[in-house]
Amino acid sequence: MPEVNETVVAGLTAYYEYIAEELHKWVGPLSNEQFWRKPYPYGNSVGHLVLHVTGNLNYYIGARVAGTGYVRDRDREFTDGQPPRKDEALGAFDRTMAMVAATIRKQGATDWGKAYTAEREPEAADRFQIFVRCVGHAYHHVGQIIYLSRELART
């Protein structure tokens, strides 16, 4: 079973790292003003999506698996009227991704099947499922960030 665990750890870690690289690729060229501007009257800014992905991972993996004690304010991720600067938001994202990777690497073969519960997450019954669900969620929002970044570059 160690080979399966090594494969799971390597695969999940690589996918989270890929997501972080893609996010930086598209967010990097944006100014601080573009980072926080909504290109449409509806929806979110790139910055608020970064805060949301960061909060999501800090809660579902940080607080619920790694035991970080993180307390999430999900609504504020989208409505913060005094958001941090782009570099601060990206620094928090990077620290969160490093925590996720470290948490993945700490999982042993028997840890993946451990029971999992969290607020607003009725589907993930074990640790493996929450890591997969969270990476899918992050990838979804990176797709939105790519679209928004393209729109912002046109303006």
Protein backbone atom coordinates (compact mmCIF):
# COMPACT_ATOMS: atom_id res chain seq x y z
CA MET A 1 0.00 0.00 0.00
CA PRO A 2 2.90 2.49 0.39
CA GLU A 3 3.16 2.77 -3.39
CA VAL A 4 -0.48 3.81 -3.67
CA ASN A 5 -0.01 6.38 -0.91
CA GLU A 6 3.08 7.80 -2.63
CA THR A 7 1.15 8.02 -5.90
CA VAL A 8 -1.78 9.81 -4.24
CA VAL A 9 0.53 12.22 -2.41
CA ALA A 10 2.56 12.99 -5.54
CA GLY A 11 -0.50 13.37 -7.75
CA LEU A 12 -2.48 15.62 -5.43
CA THR A 13 0.54 17.76 -4.55
CA ALA A 14 1.41 18.22 -8.22
CA TYR A 15 -2.17 19.22 -9.07
CA TYR A 16 -2.36 21.81 -6.28
CA GLU A 17 1.02 23.19 -7.41
CA TYR A 18 -0.25 23.38 -11.00
CA ILE A 19 -3.29 25.36 -9.84
CA ALA A 20 -1.07 27.82 -7.96
CA GLU A 21 1.18 28.26 -11.03
CA GLU A 22 -1.83 28.88 -13.30
CA LEU A 23 -3.31 31.39 -10.87
CA HIS A 24 -0.03 33.31 -10.70
CA LYS A 25 0.39 33.22 -14.48
CA TRP A 26 -2.92 35.00 -15.01
CA VAL A 27 -2.95 37.25 -11.94
CA GLY A 28 0.68 38.34 -12.15
CA PRO A 29 0.26 40.89 -14.98
CA LEU A 30 -2.73 42.58 -13.31
CA SER A 31 -2.26 45.85 -11.47
CA ASN A 32 -3.62 46.16 -7.95
CA GLU A 33 -6.54 48.17 -9.35
CA GLN A 34 -7.33 45.51 -11.97
CA PHE A 35 -7.01 42.77 -9.35
CA TRP A 36 -9.89 44.29 -7.38
CA ARG A 37 -12.01 45.65 -10.26
CA LYS A 38 -15.12 43.78 -11.34
CA PRO A 39 -15.16 43.83 -15.14
CA TYR A 40 -18.94 43.37 -15.05
CA PRO A 41 -21.63 44.81 -12.77
CA TYR A 42 -22.30 41.26 -11.56
CA GLY A 43 -19.91 38.60 -10.34
CA ASN A 44 -16.61 38.92 -8.55
CA SER A 45 -13.24 40.52 -8.94
CA VAL A 46 -10.13 38.40 -9.42
CA GLY A 47 -9.01 39.51 -5.97
CA HIS A 48 -12.16 38.33 -4.27
CA LEU A 49 -11.87 34.96 -6.02
CA VAL A 50 -8.30 34.64 -4.71
CA LEU A 51 -9.54 35.45 -1.19
CA HIS A 52 -12.30 32.88 -1.62
CA VAL A 53 -9.99 30.06 -2.76
CA THR A 54 -7.61 30.94 0.07
CA GLY A 55 -10.41 30.89 2.65
CA ASN A 56 -11.84 27.67 1.26
CA LEU A 57 -8.53 25.81 1.51
CA ASN A 58 -7.67 27.31 4.90
CA TYR A 59 -10.96 26.07 6.31
CA TYR A 60 -11.61 22.73 4.63
CA ILE A 61 -8.01 21.52 4.72
CA GLY A 62 -6.26 23.83 7.19
CA ALA A 63 -8.80 23.88 9.99
CA ARG A 64 -10.49 20.53 9.40
CA VAL A 65 -7.49 18.31 8.49
CA ALA A 66 -4.30 20.12 9.55
CA GLY A 67 -5.82 21.54 12.76
CA THR A 68 -4.66 25.13 12.11
CA GLY A 69 -7.53 26.70 14.04
CA TYR A 70 -8.50 28.88 11.05
CA VAL A 71 -11.91 30.52 11.45
CA ARG A 72 -13.59 31.29 8.17
CA ASP A 73 -15.69 34.34 7.30
CA ARG A 74 -16.89 33.20 3.88
CA ASP A 75 -19.10 36.22 3.19
CA ARG A 76 -16.20 38.60 3.76
CA GLU A 77 -14.19 36.79 1.06
CA PHE A 78 -16.58 38.35 -1.46
CA THR A 79 -17.56 41.60 0.22
CA ASP A 80 -14.48 42.93 2.02
CA GLY A 81 -14.67 46.69 1.51
CA GLN A 82 -11.06 47.11 2.67
CA PRO A 83 -9.35 44.23 0.88
CA PRO A 84 -5.62 43.63 1.20
CA ARG A 85 -3.20 44.70 -1.52
CA LYS A 86 -2.72 42.25 -4.37
CA ASP A 87 0.72 41.20 -3.07
CA GLU A 88 -0.71 40.53 0.40
CA ALA A 89 -3.60 38.47 -0.98
CA LEU A 90 -1.20 36.45 -3.15
CA GLY A 91 1.15 35.97 -0.19
CA ALA A 92 -1.73 34.55 1.85
CA PHE A 93 -2.69 32.31 -1.07
CA ASP A 94 0.89 31.04 -1.41
CA ARG A 95 1.16 30.31 2.32
CA THR A 96 -2.14 28.45 2.14
CA MET A 97 -1.01 26.37 -0.84
CA ALA A 98 2.21 25.51 1.02
CA MET A 99 0.12 24.40 4.02
CA VAL A 100 -2.06 22.25 1.76
CA ALA A 101 0.99 20.60 0.17
CA ALA A 102 2.55 19.97 3.59
CA THR A 103 -0.73 18.49 4.85
CA ILE A 104 -0.96 16.19 1.83
CA ARG A 105 2.61 15.01 2.42
CA LYS A 106 1.79 14.21 6.07
CA GLN A 107 -1.02 11.83 5.12
CA GLY A 108 -0.20 8.17 5.54
CA ALA A 109 -1.92 5.29 3.77
CA THR A 110 -4.54 4.98 6.53
CA ASP A 111 -5.22 8.73 6.81
CA TRP A 112 -6.99 9.14 3.46
CA GLY A 113 -9.99 7.10 4.59
CA LYS A 114 -10.43 8.87 7.95
CA ALA A 115 -13.88 10.33 8.49
CA TYR A 116 -14.32 13.97 7.51
CA THR A 117 -16.97 16.54 8.39
CA ALA A 118 -17.22 20.29 7.92
CA GLU A 119 -19.81 23.04 7.64
CA ARG A 120 -21.30 23.39 4.16
CA GLU A 121 -19.64 20.17 2.99
CA PRO A 122 -22.06 17.25 3.16
CA GLU A 123 -20.50 15.29 0.27
CA ALA A 124 -16.93 14.65 1.48
CA ALA A 125 -17.05 11.69 3.85
CA ASP A 126 -13.28 11.19 4.15
CA ARG A 127 -10.01 13.08 3.79
CA PHE A 128 -9.29 11.87 0.28
CA GLN A 129 -12.64 13.20 -0.91
CA ILE A 130 -12.10 16.66 0.62
CA PHE A 131 -8.68 17.03 -0.99
CA VAL A 132 -10.17 16.09 -4.37
CA ARG A 133 -13.22 18.34 -3.92
CA CYS A 134 -11.07 21.29 -2.86
CA VAL A 135 -8.68 20.99 -5.79
CA GLY A 136 -11.66 20.81 -8.15
CA HIS A 137 -13.15 23.89 -6.53
CA ALA A 138 -9.86 25.78 -6.85
CA TYR A 139 -9.51 24.76 -10.50
CA HIS A 140 -13.05 25.99 -11.21
CA HIS A 141 -12.23 29.41 -9.80
CA VAL A 142 -8.90 29.57 -11.64
CA GLY A 143 -10.97 29.13 -14.80
CA GLN A 144 -13.03 32.15 -13.78
CA ILE A 145 -9.83 34.07 -13.01
CA ILE A 146 -8.47 33.29 -16.48
CA TYR A 147 -11.65 34.60 -18.08
CA LEU A 148 -11.72 37.75 -15.93
CA SER A 149 -8.00 38.41 -16.49
CA ARG A 150 -8.52 38.27 -20.25
CA GLU A 151 -11.40 40.71 -19.97
CA LEU A 152 -9.40 43.07 -17.76
CA ALA A 153 -6.49 43.01 -20.22
CA ARG A 154 -8.82 44.25 -22.95
CA THR A 155 -9.85 47.32 -20.96
